[in-house]
Amino acid sequence: DIMSNDVCVALAYRTPAGGVVLTPVTTVGMHDPAAGTV
């Protein structure tokens, strides 16, 4: 339900130095529980 409806999420990815960048994105509700993907 959350994955289907959240309008804005945060994408977290690593920096070369081992830190993290958080940036807002939208999934447009795209996910596949059977495949285990977002």
Full PDB file with SEQRES, HELIX, SHEET, SSBOND, CRYST1, ORIGX, SCALE, CONECT and MASTER records, all heavy atoms in Angstrom:
SEQRES   1 A   38  ASP ILE MET SER ASN ASP VAL CYS VAL ALA LEU ALA TYR          
SEQRES   2 A   38  ARG THR PRO ALA GLY GLY VAL VAL LEU THR PRO VAL THR          
SEQRES   3 A   38  THR VAL GLY MET HIS ASP PRO ALA ALA GLY THR VAL              
HELIX    1 AA1 ILE A    2  ASN A    5  1                                   4    
SHEET    1 AA1 2 VAL A   9  ARG A  14  0                                        
SHEET    2 AA1 2 VAL A  20  VAL A  25 -1                                        
CRYST1    1.000    1.000    1.000  90.00  90.00  90.00 P 1           1          
ORIGX1      1.000000  0.000000  0.000000        0.00000                         
ORIGX2      0.000000  1.000000  0.000000        0.00000                         
ORIGX3      0.000000  0.000000  1.000000        0.00000                         
SCALE1      1.000000  0.000000  0.000000        0.00000                         
SCALE2      0.000000  1.000000  0.000000        0.00000                         
SCALE3      0.000000  0.000000  1.000000        0.00000                         
ATOM      1  N   ASP A   1       0.831  -1.201   0.000  1.00  0.00           N  
ATOM      2  CA  ASP A   1       0.000   0.000   0.000  1.00  0.00           C  
ATOM      3  C   ASP A   1       0.870   1.258   0.000  1.00  0.00           C  
ATOM      4  O   ASP A   1       0.620   2.218  -0.748  1.00  0.00           O  
ATOM      5  CB  ASP A   1      -0.918  -0.021   1.223  1.00  0.00           C  
ATOM      6  CG  ASP A   1      -2.160   0.828   1.031  1.00  0.00           C  
ATOM      7  OD1 ASP A   1      -2.520   1.127  -0.127  1.00  0.00           O  
ATOM      8  OD2 ASP A   1      -2.785   1.196   2.040  1.00  0.00           O  
ATOM      9  N   ILE A   2       1.893   1.273   0.837  1.00  0.00           N  
ATOM     10  CA  ILE A   2       2.799   2.420   0.893  1.00  0.00           C  
ATOM     11  C   ILE A   2       3.544   2.578  -0.425  1.00  0.00           C  
ATOM     12  O   ILE A   2       3.649   3.683  -0.985  1.00  0.00           O  
ATOM     13  CB  ILE A   2       3.775   2.263   2.072  1.00  0.00           C  
ATOM     14  CG1 ILE A   2       3.028   2.435   3.399  1.00  0.00           C  
ATOM     15  CG2 ILE A   2       4.919   3.266   1.975  1.00  0.00           C  
ATOM     16  CD1 ILE A   2       3.841   2.082   4.625  1.00  0.00           C  
ATOM     17  N   MET A   3       4.082   1.475  -0.949  1.00  0.00           N  
ATOM     18  CA  MET A   3       4.827   1.544  -2.206  1.00  0.00           C  
ATOM     19  C   MET A   3       3.949   1.985  -3.380  1.00  0.00           C  
ATOM     20  O   MET A   3       4.448   2.596  -4.329  1.00  0.00           O  
ATOM     21  CB  MET A   3       5.450   0.184  -2.515  1.00  0.00           C  
ATOM     22  CG  MET A   3       6.592  -0.200  -1.608  1.00  0.00           C  
ATOM     23  SD  MET A   3       7.321  -1.788  -2.095  1.00  0.00           S  
ATOM     24  CE  MET A   3       8.773  -1.832  -1.030  1.00  0.00           C  
ATOM     25  N   SER A   4       2.667   1.678  -3.301  1.00  0.00           N  
ATOM     26  CA  SER A   4       1.753   2.016  -4.386  1.00  0.00           C  
ATOM     27  C   SER A   4       1.316   3.472  -4.357  1.00  0.00           C  
ATOM     28  O   SER A   4       0.887   4.002  -5.388  1.00  0.00           O  
ATOM     29  CB  SER A   4       0.507   1.127  -4.331  1.00  0.00           C  
ATOM     30  OG  SER A   4       0.833  -0.235  -4.475  1.00  0.00           O  
ATOM     31  N   ASN A   5       1.420   4.123  -3.191  1.00  0.00           N  
ATOM     32  CA  ASN A   5       0.767   5.425  -3.051  1.00  0.00           C  
ATOM     33  C   ASN A   5       1.674   6.579  -2.643  1.00  0.00           C  
ATOM     34  O   ASN A   5       1.281   7.736  -2.838  1.00  0.00           O  
ATOM     35  CB  ASN A   5      -0.382   5.311  -2.046  1.00  0.00           C  
ATOM     36  CG  ASN A   5      -1.535   4.496  -2.577  1.00  0.00           C  
ATOM     37  OD1 ASN A   5      -2.328   4.969  -3.382  1.00  0.00           O  
ATOM     38  ND2 ASN A   5      -1.632   3.249  -2.135  1.00  0.00           N  
ATOM     39  N   ASP A   6       2.833   6.328  -2.055  1.00  0.00           N  
ATOM     40  CA  ASP A   6       3.690   7.439  -1.638  1.00  0.00           C  
ATOM     41  C   ASP A   6       4.071   8.298  -2.842  1.00  0.00           C  
ATOM     42  O   ASP A   6       4.646   7.805  -3.816  1.00  0.00           O  
ATOM     43  CB  ASP A   6       4.957   6.916  -0.962  1.00  0.00           C  
ATOM     44  CG  ASP A   6       4.770   6.744   0.534  1.00  0.00           C  
ATOM     45  OD1 ASP A   6       3.612   6.719   0.984  1.00  0.00           O  
ATOM     46  OD2 ASP A   6       5.783   6.628   1.247  1.00  0.00           O  
ATOM     47  N   VAL A   7       3.748   9.582  -2.765  1.00  0.00           N  
ATOM     48  CA  VAL A   7       3.994  10.491  -3.888  1.00  0.00           C  
ATOM     49  C   VAL A   7       5.478  10.785  -4.042  1.00  0.00           C  
ATOM     50  O   VAL A   7       6.004  10.854  -5.157  1.00  0.00           O  
ATOM     51  CB  VAL A   7       3.200  11.793  -3.690  1.00  0.00           C  
ATOM     52  CG1 VAL A   7       3.556  12.825  -4.759  1.00  0.00           C  
ATOM     53  CG2 VAL A   7       1.702  11.507  -3.711  1.00  0.00           C  
ATOM     54  N   CYS A   8       6.168  10.970  -2.927  1.00  0.00           N  
ATOM     55  CA  CYS A   8       7.590  11.321  -2.968  1.00  0.00           C  
ATOM     56  C   CYS A   8       8.357  10.419  -2.005  1.00  0.00           C  
ATOM     57  O   CYS A   8       7.941  10.226  -0.856  1.00  0.00           O  
ATOM     58  CB  CYS A   8       7.783  12.777  -2.580  1.00  0.00           C  
ATOM     59  SG  CYS A   8       9.471  13.397  -2.800  1.00  0.00           S  
ATOM     60  N   VAL A   9       9.470   9.868  -2.469  1.00  0.00           N  
ATOM     61  CA  VAL A   9      10.343   9.043  -1.647  1.00  0.00           C  
ATOM     62  C   VAL A   9      11.740   9.643  -1.714  1.00  0.00           C  
ATOM     63  O   VAL A   9      11.970  10.658  -2.368  1.00  0.00           O  
ATOM     64  CB  VAL A   9      10.347   7.578  -2.136  1.00  0.00           C  
ATOM     65  CG1 VAL A   9       8.947   7.002  -2.110  1.00  0.00           C  
ATOM     66  CG2 VAL A   9      10.936   7.477  -3.552  1.00  0.00           C  
ATOM     67  N   ALA A  10      12.670   9.029  -1.027  1.00  0.00           N  
ATOM     68  CA  ALA A  10      14.063   9.468  -1.091  1.00  0.00           C  
ATOM     69  C   ALA A  10      14.913   8.333  -1.647  1.00  0.00           C  
ATOM     70  O   ALA A  10      14.791   7.184  -1.204  1.00  0.00           O  
ATOM     71  CB  ALA A  10      14.575   9.884   0.281  1.00  0.00           C  
ATOM     72  N   LEU A  11      15.752   8.652  -2.618  1.00  0.00           N  
ATOM     73  CA  LEU A  11      16.735   7.720  -3.144  1.00  0.00           C  
ATOM     74  C   LEU A  11      18.053   7.974  -2.429  1.00  0.00           C  
ATOM     75  O   LEU A  11      18.544   9.105  -2.394  1.00  0.00           O  
ATOM     76  CB  LEU A  11      16.904   7.914  -4.650  1.00  0.00           C  
ATOM     77  CG  LEU A  11      18.072   7.180  -5.310  1.00  0.00           C  
ATOM     78  CD1 LEU A  11      17.883   5.664  -5.243  1.00  0.00           C  
ATOM     79  CD2 LEU A  11      18.239   7.629  -6.762  1.00  0.00           C  
ATOM     80  N   ALA A  12      18.599   6.925  -1.812  1.00  0.00           N  
ATOM     81  CA  ALA A  12      19.875   7.031  -1.103  1.00  0.00           C  
ATOM     82  C   ALA A  12      20.926   6.227  -1.852  1.00  0.00           C  
ATOM     83  O   ALA A  12      20.728   5.044  -2.122  1.00  0.00           O  
ATOM     84  CB  ALA A  12      19.743   6.516   0.327  1.00  0.00           C  
ATOM     85  N   TYR A  13      22.025   6.878  -2.226  1.00  0.00           N  
ATOM     86  CA  TYR A  13      23.108   6.169  -2.887  1.00  0.00           C  
ATOM     87  C   TYR A  13      24.436   6.585  -2.275  1.00  0.00           C  
ATOM     88  O   TYR A  13      24.549   7.616  -1.599  1.00  0.00           O  
ATOM     89  CB  TYR A  13      23.090   6.408  -4.398  1.00  0.00           C  
ATOM     90  CG  TYR A  13      23.191   7.862  -4.835  1.00  0.00           C  
ATOM     91  CD1 TYR A  13      24.420   8.461  -5.096  1.00  0.00           C  
ATOM     92  CD2 TYR A  13      22.042   8.638  -5.016  1.00  0.00           C  
ATOM     93  CE1 TYR A  13      24.506   9.779  -5.507  1.00  0.00           C  
ATOM     94  CE2 TYR A  13      22.117   9.953  -5.429  1.00  0.00           C  
ATOM     95  CZ  TYR A  13      23.348  10.522  -5.676  1.00  0.00           C  
ATOM     96  OH  TYR A  13      23.433  11.829  -6.080  1.00  0.00           O  
ATOM     97  N   ARG A  14      25.449   5.774  -2.505  1.00  0.00           N  
ATOM     98  CA  ARG A  14      26.742   5.957  -1.853  1.00  0.00           C  
ATOM     99  C   ARG A  14      27.622   6.941  -2.604  1.00  0.00           C  
ATOM    100  O   ARG A  14      27.522   7.090  -3.821  1.00  0.00           O  
ATOM    101  CB  ARG A  14      27.463   4.609  -1.742  1.00  0.00           C  
ATOM    102  CG  ARG A  14      26.813   3.632  -0.792  1.00  0.00           C  
ATOM    103  CD  ARG A  14      27.609   2.344  -0.732  1.00  0.00           C  
ATOM    104  NE  ARG A  14      29.024   2.590  -0.491  1.00  0.00           N  
ATOM    105  CZ  ARG A  14      29.771   1.967   0.406  1.00  0.00           C  
ATOM    106  NH1 ARG A  14      29.228   1.044   1.171  1.00  0.00           N  
ATOM    107  NH2 ARG A  14      31.040   2.235   0.545  1.00  0.00           N  
ATOM    108  N   THR A  15      28.493   7.605  -1.845  1.00  0.00           N  
ATOM    109  CA  THR A  15      29.526   8.444  -2.442  1.00  0.00           C  
ATOM    110  C   THR A  15      30.836   7.647  -2.487  1.00  0.00           C  
ATOM    111  O   THR A  15      30.995   6.653  -1.764  1.00  0.00           O  
ATOM    112  CB  THR A  15      29.749   9.720  -1.622  1.00  0.00           C  
ATOM    113  OG1 THR A  15      30.337   9.361  -0.350  1.00  0.00           O  
ATOM    114  CG2 THR A  15      28.430  10.443  -1.377  1.00  0.00           C  
ATOM    115  N   PRO A  16      31.792   8.047  -3.321  1.00  0.00           N  
ATOM    116  CA  PRO A  16      33.060   7.315  -3.384  1.00  0.00           C  
ATOM    117  C   PRO A  16      33.789   7.244  -2.045  1.00  0.00           C  
ATOM    118  O   PRO A  16      34.523   6.290  -1.786  1.00  0.00           O  
ATOM    119  CB  PRO A  16      33.873   8.118  -4.416  1.00  0.00           C  
ATOM    120  CG  PRO A  16      32.852   8.773  -5.271  1.00  0.00           C  
ATOM    121  CD  PRO A  16      31.718   9.098  -4.352  1.00  0.00           C  
ATOM    122  N   ALA A  17      33.565   8.236  -1.173  1.00  0.00           N  
ATOM    123  CA  ALA A  17      34.253   8.264   0.123  1.00  0.00           C  
ATOM    124  C   ALA A  17      33.530   7.455   1.189  1.00  0.00           C  
ATOM    125  O   ALA A  17      33.970   7.410   2.334  1.00  0.00           O  
ATOM    126  CB  ALA A  17      34.426   9.703   0.592  1.00  0.00           C  
ATOM    127  N   GLY A  18      32.404   6.813   0.821  1.00  0.00           N  
ATOM    128  CA  GLY A  18      31.683   6.010   1.801  1.00  0.00           C  
ATOM    129  C   GLY A  18      30.572   6.746   2.517  1.00  0.00           C  
ATOM    130  O   GLY A  18      30.037   6.241   3.508  1.00  0.00           O  
ATOM    131  N   GLY A  19      30.200   7.918   2.023  1.00  0.00           N  
ATOM    132  CA  GLY A  19      29.068   8.636   2.577  1.00  0.00           C  
ATOM    133  C   GLY A  19      27.801   8.296   1.821  1.00  0.00           C  
ATOM    134  O   GLY A  19      27.745   7.348   1.043  1.00  0.00           O  
ATOM    135  N   VAL A  20      26.760   9.093   2.054  1.00  0.00           N  
ATOM    136  CA  VAL A  20      25.456   8.854   1.447  1.00  0.00           C  
ATOM    137  C   VAL A  20      24.878  10.176   0.962  1.00  0.00           C  
ATOM    138  O   VAL A  20      24.994  11.201   1.647  1.00  0.00           O  
ATOM    139  CB  VAL A  20      24.490   8.200   2.455  1.00  0.00           C  
ATOM    140  CG1 VAL A  20      23.050   8.214   1.949  1.00  0.00           C  
ATOM    141  CG2 VAL A  20      24.913   6.757   2.746  1.00  0.00           C  
ATOM    142  N   VAL A  21      24.252  10.133  -0.212  1.00  0.00           N  
ATOM    143  CA  VAL A  21      23.459  11.246  -0.717  1.00  0.00           C  
ATOM    144  C   VAL A  21      22.000  10.819  -0.704  1.00  0.00           C  
ATOM    145  O   VAL A  21      21.660   9.721  -1.153  1.00  0.00           O  
ATOM    146  CB  VAL A  21      23.876  11.641  -2.146  1.00  0.00           C  
ATOM    147  CG1 VAL A  21      22.924  12.702  -2.708  1.00  0.00           C  
ATOM    148  CG2 VAL A  21      25.302  12.163  -2.167  1.00  0.00           C  
ATOM    149  N   LEU A  22      21.133  11.680  -0.167  1.00  0.00           N  
ATOM    150  CA  LEU A  22      19.684  11.462  -0.170  1.00  0.00           C  
ATOM    151  C   LEU A  22      19.041  12.506  -1.066  1.00  0.00           C  
ATOM    152  O   LEU A  22      19.247  13.707  -0.865  1.00  0.00           O  
ATOM    153  CB  LEU A  22      19.115  11.594   1.240  1.00  0.00           C  
ATOM    154  CG  LEU A  22      19.450  10.488   2.240  1.00  0.00           C  
ATOM    155  CD1 LEU A  22      19.295  11.008   3.667  1.00  0.00           C  
ATOM    156  CD2 LEU A  22      18.554   9.284   2.023  1.00  0.00           C  
ATOM    157  N   THR A  23      18.273  12.056  -2.052  1.00  0.00           N  
ATOM    158  CA  THR A  23      17.634  12.999  -2.965  1.00  0.00           C  
ATOM    159  C   THR A  23      16.183  12.602  -3.182  1.00  0.00           C  
ATOM    160  O   THR A  23      15.865  11.403  -3.275  1.00  0.00           O  
ATOM    161  CB  THR A  23      18.389  13.049  -4.313  1.00  0.00           C  
ATOM    162  OG1 THR A  23      17.806  14.033  -5.158  1.00  0.00           O  
ATOM    163  CG2 THR A  23      18.372  11.701  -5.022  1.00  0.00           C  
ATOM    164  N   PRO A  24      15.250  13.552  -3.229  1.00  0.00           N  
ATOM    165  CA  PRO A  24      13.839  13.207  -3.401  1.00  0.00           C  
ATOM    166  C   PRO A  24      13.533  12.802  -4.839  1.00  0.00           C  
ATOM    167  O   PRO A  24      14.000  13.427  -5.789  1.00  0.00           O  
ATOM    168  CB  PRO A  24      13.112  14.500  -3.015  1.00  0.00           C  
ATOM    169  CG  PRO A  24      14.098  15.587  -3.269  1.00  0.00           C  
ATOM    170  CD  PRO A  24      15.450  15.000  -3.017  1.00  0.00           C  
ATOM    171  N   VAL A  25      12.746  11.745  -4.997  1.00  0.00           N  
ATOM    172  CA  VAL A  25      12.315  11.258  -6.307  1.00  0.00           C  
ATOM    173  C   VAL A  25      10.890  10.732  -6.150  1.00  0.00           C  
ATOM    174  O   VAL A  25      10.345  10.699  -5.056  1.00  0.00           O  
ATOM    175  CB  VAL A  25      13.231  10.132  -6.849  1.00  0.00           C  
ATOM    176  CG1 VAL A  25      14.652  10.629  -7.068  1.00  0.00           C  
ATOM    177  CG2 VAL A  25      13.233   8.925  -5.913  1.00  0.00           C  
ATOM    178  N   THR A  26      10.277  10.308  -7.262  1.00  0.00           N  
ATOM    179  CA  THR A  26       9.008   9.603  -7.192  1.00  0.00           C  
ATOM    180  C   THR A  26       9.152   8.252  -7.872  1.00  0.00           C  
ATOM    181  O   THR A  26       9.862   8.130  -8.872  1.00  0.00           O  
ATOM    182  CB  THR A  26       7.863  10.394  -7.838  1.00  0.00           C  
ATOM    183  OG1 THR A  26       6.644   9.634  -7.728  1.00  0.00           O  
ATOM    184  CG2 THR A  26       8.134  10.695  -9.302  1.00  0.00           C  
ATOM    185  N   THR A  27       8.507   7.247  -7.308  1.00  0.00           N  
ATOM    186  CA  THR A  27       8.506   5.925  -7.946  1.00  0.00           C  
ATOM    187  C   THR A  27       7.362   5.795  -8.945  1.00  0.00           C  
ATOM    188  O   THR A  27       7.306   4.826  -9.692  1.00  0.00           O  
ATOM    189  CB  THR A  27       8.329   4.810  -6.906  1.00  0.00           C  
ATOM    190  OG1 THR A  27       7.015   4.911  -6.330  1.00  0.00           O  
ATOM    191  CG2 THR A  27       9.379   4.886  -5.816  1.00  0.00           C  
ATOM    192  N   VAL A  28       6.430   6.749  -8.950  1.00  0.00           N  
ATOM    193  CA  VAL A  28       5.185   6.656  -9.737  1.00  0.00           C  
ATOM    194  C   VAL A  28       4.503   5.316  -9.431  1.00  0.00           C  
ATOM    195  O   VAL A  28       3.842   4.728 -10.277  1.00  0.00           O  
ATOM    196  CB  VAL A  28       5.451   6.829 -11.253  1.00  0.00           C  
ATOM    197  CG1 VAL A  28       4.159   7.220 -11.977  1.00  0.00           C  
ATOM    198  CG2 VAL A  28       6.498   7.898 -11.525  1.00  0.00           C  
ATOM    199  N   GLY A  29       4.700   4.833  -8.207  1.00  0.00           N  
ATOM    200  CA  GLY A  29       4.057   3.605  -7.762  1.00  0.00           C  
ATOM    201  C   GLY A  29       4.590   2.337  -8.389  1.00  0.00           C  
ATOM    202  O   GLY A  29       3.977   1.270  -8.254  1.00  0.00           O  
ATOM    203  N   MET A  30       5.732   2.400  -9.072  1.00  0.00           N  
ATOM    204  CA  MET A  30       6.236   1.228  -9.787  1.00  0.00           C  
ATOM    205  C   MET A  30       6.970   0.291  -8.841  1.00  0.00           C  
ATOM    206  O   MET A  30       7.994   0.646  -8.258  1.00  0.00           O  
ATOM    207  CB  MET A  30       7.149   1.659 -10.943  1.00  0.00           C  
ATOM    208  CG  MET A  30       6.412   2.363 -12.060  1.00  0.00           C  
ATOM    209  SD  MET A  30       7.435   2.659 -13.540  1.00  0.00           S  
ATOM    210  CE  MET A  30       8.577   3.877 -12.906  1.00  0.00           C  
ATOM    211  N   HIS A  31       6.431  -0.923  -8.677  1.00  0.00           N  
ATOM    212  CA  HIS A  31       7.055  -1.955  -7.874  1.00  0.00           C  
ATOM    213  C   HIS A  31       6.486  -3.301  -8.317  1.00  0.00           C  
ATOM    214  O   HIS A  31       5.414  -3.377  -8.921  1.00  0.00           O  
ATOM    215  CB  HIS A  31       6.798  -1.731  -6.385  1.00  0.00           C  
ATOM    216  CG  HIS A  31       5.359  -1.836  -6.006  1.00  0.00           C  
ATOM    217  ND1 HIS A  31       4.446  -0.843  -6.284  1.00  0.00           N  
ATOM    218  CD2 HIS A  31       4.657  -2.818  -5.389  1.00  0.00           C  
ATOM    219  CE1 HIS A  31       3.252  -1.210  -5.854  1.00  0.00           C  
ATOM    220  NE2 HIS A  31       3.353  -2.408  -5.303  1.00  0.00           N  
ATOM    221  N   ASP A  32       7.211  -4.354  -8.023  1.00  0.00           N  
ATOM    222  CA  ASP A  32       6.793  -5.699  -8.426  1.00  0.00           C  
ATOM    223  C   ASP A  32       7.097  -6.646  -7.275  1.00  0.00           C  
ATOM    224  O   ASP A  32       8.225  -7.132  -7.129  1.00  0.00           O  
ATOM    225  CB  ASP A  32       7.537  -6.130  -9.695  1.00  0.00           C  
ATOM    226  CG  ASP A  32       7.044  -7.471 -10.236  1.00  0.00           C  
ATOM    227  OD1 ASP A  32       6.398  -8.231  -9.480  1.00  0.00           O  
ATOM    228  OD2 ASP A  32       7.323  -7.768 -11.408  1.00  0.00           O  
ATOM    229  N   PRO A  33       6.115  -6.918  -6.406  1.00  0.00           N  
ATOM    230  CA  PRO A  33       6.362  -7.799  -5.264  1.00  0.00           C  
ATOM    231  C   PRO A  33       6.822  -9.190  -5.682  1.00  0.00           C  
ATOM    232  O   PRO A  33       7.645  -9.808  -4.991  1.00  0.00           O  
ATOM    233  CB  PRO A  33       5.003  -7.849  -4.561  1.00  0.00           C  
ATOM    234  CG  PRO A  33       4.295  -6.611  -4.985  1.00  0.00           C  
ATOM    235  CD  PRO A  33       4.749  -6.360  -6.388  1.00  0.00           C  
ATOM    236  N   ALA A  34       6.286  -9.716  -6.786  1.00  0.00           N  
ATOM    237  CA  ALA A  34       6.675 -11.058  -7.224  1.00  0.00           C  
ATOM    238  C   ALA A  34       8.145 -11.113  -7.603  1.00  0.00           C  
ATOM    239  O   ALA A  34       8.849 -12.084  -7.301  1.00  0.00           O  
ATOM    240  CB  ALA A  34       5.807 -11.497  -8.401  1.00  0.00           C  
ATOM    241  N   ALA A  35       8.624 -10.076  -8.271  1.00  0.00           N  
ATOM    242  CA  ALA A  35      10.034 -10.019  -8.664  1.00  0.00           C  
ATOM    243  C   ALA A  35      10.914  -9.448  -7.562  1.00  0.00           C  
ATOM    244  O   ALA A  35      12.143  -9.557  -7.616  1.00  0.00           O  
ATOM    245  CB  ALA A  35      10.191  -9.188  -9.930  1.00  0.00           C  
ATOM    246  N   GLY A  36      10.292  -8.803  -6.560  1.00  0.00           N  
ATOM    247  CA  GLY A  36      11.071  -8.182  -5.491  1.00  0.00           C  
ATOM    248  C   GLY A  36      11.805  -6.947  -5.950  1.00  0.00           C  
ATOM    249  O   GLY A  36      12.950  -6.723  -5.556  1.00  0.00           O  
ATOM    250  N   THR A  37      11.154  -6.119  -6.777  1.00  0.00           N  
ATOM    251  CA  THR A  37      11.816  -4.938  -7.315  1.00  0.00           C  
ATOM    252  C   THR A  37      10.986  -3.681  -7.084  1.00  0.00           C  
ATOM    253  O   THR A  37       9.757  -3.733  -6.969  1.00  0.00           O  
ATOM    254  CB  THR A  37      12.077  -5.069  -8.826  1.00  0.00           C  
ATOM    255  OG1 THR A  37      10.825  -5.205  -9.518  1.00  0.00           O  
ATOM    256  CG2 THR A  37      12.975  -6.249  -9.124  1.00  0.00           C  
ATOM    257  N   VAL A  38      11.685  -2.568  -7.023  1.00  0.00           N  
ATOM    258  CA  VAL A  38      11.090  -1.232  -7.015  1.00  0.00           C  
ATOM    259  C   VAL A  38      11.780  -0.447  -8.127  1.00  0.00           C  
ATOM    260  O   VAL A  38      12.985  -0.622  -8.359  1.00  0.00           O  
ATOM    261  CB  VAL A  38      11.300  -0.530  -5.660  1.00  0.00           C  
ATOM    262  CG1 VAL A  38      10.852   0.917  -5.723  1.00  0.00           C  
ATOM    263  CG2 VAL A  38      10.564  -1.266  -4.549  1.00  0.00           C  
TER     264      VAL A  38                                                      
MASTER        0    0    0    1    2    0    0    6  263    1    0    3          
END                                                                             
